[in-house]
Protein backbone atom coordinates (compact mmCIF):
# COMPACT_ATOMS: atom_id res chain seq x y z
CA LEU A 1 -38.02 -116.42 44.42
CA ASP A 2 -36.09 -113.86 46.52
CA LEU A 3 -39.23 -111.68 46.53
CA ALA A 4 -41.13 -113.97 48.91
CA GLN A 5 -38.15 -114.10 51.21
CA THR A 6 -37.88 -110.38 51.19
CA VAL A 7 -41.53 -109.95 52.25
CA GLN A 8 -41.03 -112.47 54.99
CA THR A 9 -37.83 -110.80 56.12
CA GLN A 10 -39.51 -107.44 56.12
CA ARG A 11 -42.26 -108.87 58.35
CA ALA A 12 -39.86 -110.61 60.71
CA HIS A 13 -37.38 -107.82 60.84
CA GLN A 14 -35.16 -110.06 62.95
CA ASP A 15 -32.73 -111.03 60.32
CA PRO A 16 -29.23 -110.71 62.00
CA VAL A 17 -26.87 -107.92 60.91
CA GLU A 18 -23.42 -109.13 60.31
CA LEU A 19 -20.24 -108.02 58.58
CA LEU A 20 -20.78 -108.97 54.87
CA ASP A 21 -17.94 -109.56 52.45
CA MET A 22 -19.43 -107.55 49.66
CA GLY A 23 -17.24 -109.41 46.93
CA LEU A 24 -18.55 -112.69 48.06
CA LEU A 25 -22.15 -111.62 48.32
CA LEU A 26 -22.18 -109.98 44.83
CA GLU A 27 -20.63 -113.10 43.38
CA GLU A 28 -23.26 -115.24 45.19
CA VAL A 29 -26.17 -113.22 43.57
CA LEU A 30 -24.34 -113.37 40.18
CA LEU A 31 -23.98 -117.02 40.39
CA GLY A 32 -27.60 -117.38 41.04
CA LEU A 33 -28.36 -115.45 37.79
CA ARG A 34 -25.58 -117.04 35.92
CA GLY A 35 -27.86 -118.69 33.31
CA GLN A 36 -29.41 -115.37 32.35
CA ILE A 37 -26.01 -113.61 32.41
CA ILE A 38 -24.63 -116.34 29.95
CA ASP A 39 -27.71 -116.32 27.72
CA GLN A 40 -27.38 -112.48 27.28
CA GLN A 41 -23.61 -112.69 26.94
CA ALA A 42 -23.56 -109.78 29.50
CA GLN A 43 -20.23 -108.36 30.60
CA VAL A 44 -20.16 -107.91 34.44
CA GLU A 45 -17.78 -106.02 36.35
CA VAL A 46 -17.46 -106.25 40.05
CA GLU A 47 -15.38 -103.59 41.94
CA VAL A 48 -15.38 -103.69 45.80
CA ALA A 49 -11.81 -102.78 46.87
CA GLN A 50 -12.98 -99.35 48.29
CA ALA A 51 -15.56 -100.70 50.53
CA PRO A 52 -15.17 -104.39 50.89
CA GLY A 53 -17.40 -104.94 53.94
CA LEU A 54 -20.84 -103.87 55.12
CA TYR A 55 -22.73 -104.53 58.41
CA TYR A 56 -26.14 -105.49 57.02
CA SER A 57 -28.70 -108.23 56.89
CA ARG A 58 -27.47 -111.00 54.42
CA ALA A 59 -31.00 -111.83 53.28
CA ASN A 60 -32.03 -108.14 52.84
CA LEU A 61 -28.86 -107.09 50.94
CA ARG A 62 -29.06 -110.25 48.68
CA SER A 63 -32.69 -109.42 47.90
CA VAL A 64 -31.76 -105.85 47.00
CA VAL A 65 -28.93 -106.90 44.72
CA HIS A 66 -30.70 -109.63 43.23
CA ASN A 67 -33.59 -107.32 42.22
CA LEU A 68 -31.39 -104.68 40.80
CA VAL A 69 -29.21 -107.24 38.78
CA SER A 70 -32.18 -109.18 37.44
CA ASN A 71 -33.87 -105.92 36.42
CA ALA A 72 -30.66 -104.87 34.55
CA LEU A 73 -30.79 -108.29 32.77
CA LYS A 74 -34.53 -108.04 32.13
CA PHE A 75 -34.28 -104.50 30.65
CA ALA A 76 -31.15 -105.05 28.72
CA HIS A 77 -31.06 -103.07 25.33
CA PRO A 78 -31.78 -105.56 22.51
CA ALA A 79 -29.22 -103.83 20.14
CA ARG A 80 -26.15 -104.36 22.35
CA PRO A 81 -24.60 -106.75 24.80
CA LEU A 82 -25.44 -105.73 28.37
CA ARG A 83 -22.57 -104.23 30.36
CA LEU A 84 -23.22 -104.35 34.21
CA ARG A 85 -21.05 -102.74 36.79
CA LEU A 86 -21.49 -103.40 40.50
CA ARG A 87 -19.26 -101.19 42.55
CA THR A 88 -18.99 -100.41 46.29
CA TYR A 89 -17.14 -97.28 47.53
CA LEU A 90 -16.97 -94.84 50.34
CA THR A 91 -18.70 -91.42 50.02
CA PRO A 92 -16.63 -88.31 50.92
CA GLN A 93 -18.34 -88.45 54.38
CA GLY A 94 -17.09 -92.03 54.85
CA HIS A 95 -20.36 -93.68 54.33
CA PRO A 96 -20.60 -96.97 52.30
CA ALA A 97 -22.34 -97.04 48.91
CA LEU A 98 -23.32 -99.59 46.38
CA GLU A 99 -23.77 -98.66 42.61
CA VAL A 100 -25.45 -100.96 40.14
CA ALA A 101 -24.95 -99.47 36.60
CA ASP A 102 -26.01 -100.83 33.27
CA ASN A 103 -26.27 -99.80 29.56
CA GLY A 104 -29.82 -101.12 29.08
CA LEU A 105 -33.15 -99.54 27.99
CA GLY A 106 -33.04 -96.79 30.65
CA MET A 107 -36.01 -95.01 32.19
CA ASN A 108 -37.90 -91.80 31.64
CA LEU A 109 -37.51 -90.32 35.07
CA GLN A 110 -39.19 -87.13 33.99
CA ASP A 111 -42.72 -88.71 33.75
CA PRO A 112 -44.54 -87.82 37.05
CA PHE A 113 -47.15 -90.56 36.40
CA ASN A 114 -44.50 -93.28 36.53
CA PRO A 115 -42.57 -92.87 39.69
CA VAL A 116 -39.80 -95.48 39.90
CA PHE A 117 -40.21 -96.91 43.49
CA GLN A 118 -44.04 -96.80 43.65
CA LEU A 119 -45.73 -100.24 44.10
CA PHE A 120 -46.92 -101.67 40.82
CA SER A 121 -45.20 -98.95 38.84
CA ARG A 122 -43.71 -100.17 35.63
CA GLN A 123 -41.26 -98.44 33.26
CA HIS A 124 -41.47 -100.78 30.38
CA PRO A 125 -45.03 -102.33 30.26
CA ALA A 126 -44.21 -104.35 27.15
CA ILE A 127 -41.68 -106.33 29.34
CA GLU A 128 -43.05 -108.98 31.76
CA GLY A 129 -42.96 -107.86 35.48
CA THR A 130 -45.11 -107.11 38.48
CA GLY A 131 -43.85 -103.61 39.58
CA VAL A 132 -42.95 -104.79 42.96
CA GLY A 133 -39.21 -105.19 42.82
CA LEU A 134 -37.90 -101.60 43.05
CA TYR A 135 -40.62 -100.94 45.58
CA LEU A 136 -39.22 -103.57 47.80
CA VAL A 137 -35.70 -102.43 47.14
CA GLN A 138 -36.40 -98.96 48.36
CA ARG A 139 -38.49 -100.36 51.34
CA ILE A 140 -35.68 -102.60 52.51
CA VAL A 141 -33.01 -99.90 52.17
CA ARG A 142 -34.96 -97.25 53.91
CA SER A 143 -36.01 -99.52 56.75
CA ASN A 144 -32.24 -99.93 57.44
CA GLY A 145 -31.60 -96.07 57.37
CA GLY A 146 -30.35 -95.95 53.75
CA GLN A 147 -31.37 -94.23 50.67
CA VAL A 148 -31.68 -95.28 46.95
CA THR A 149 -31.14 -92.79 44.22
CA VAL A 150 -31.52 -93.51 40.44
CA THR A 151 -30.16 -91.72 37.30
CA SER A 152 -31.22 -92.92 33.87
CA THR A 153 -31.30 -91.95 30.21
CA LEU A 154 -33.76 -93.62 27.83
CA GLN A 155 -31.83 -95.99 25.53
CA GLU A 156 -28.61 -95.47 27.27
CA GLY A 157 -28.94 -97.07 30.77
CA THR A 158 -29.51 -96.77 34.38
CA THR A 159 -27.63 -96.42 37.61
CA PHE A 160 -28.98 -97.29 41.03
CA THR A 161 -26.91 -96.05 43.98
CA ILE A 162 -27.53 -97.21 47.59
CA HIS A 163 -26.27 -95.01 50.37
CA TRP A 164 -25.91 -96.24 53.96
CA LYS A 165 -25.35 -94.07 56.94
CA ASN A 166 -23.52 -96.88 58.83
CA SER A 167 -20.31 -98.63 57.93
């Protein structure tokens, strides 16, 4: 799984940084999850025109996106088809950002005993998982000078936004 790769990459920290074509990278990750996307009849929208390239480690960014998209699929709302939007853009300061938004189960961000990015923290204990994915996402992004923010409404959906300082 991408999780093991991520941990190895985190240890090595020598994964080369290169100019990544965001459209291609996002499509690559979506292709890897194609079976689940088809099974759930998920509608996926990819929009990268505003920020089509990013200097970053390919393995790290693939792991981040894979974790966020697979979580969106895992926590889809059972009463409606999943709508997933992956969008890159530039902030008003000119920094690149990636947004992964879904209309899934959402999370209770008000619960102080369930911090989203804490290791082994789980938002929906009834759904299978380890509580490691979002912890690793945050760790990868932070180790590369970025920041992850999350907004969510229970039963409506969640949006993760990754902000990078470099271009």
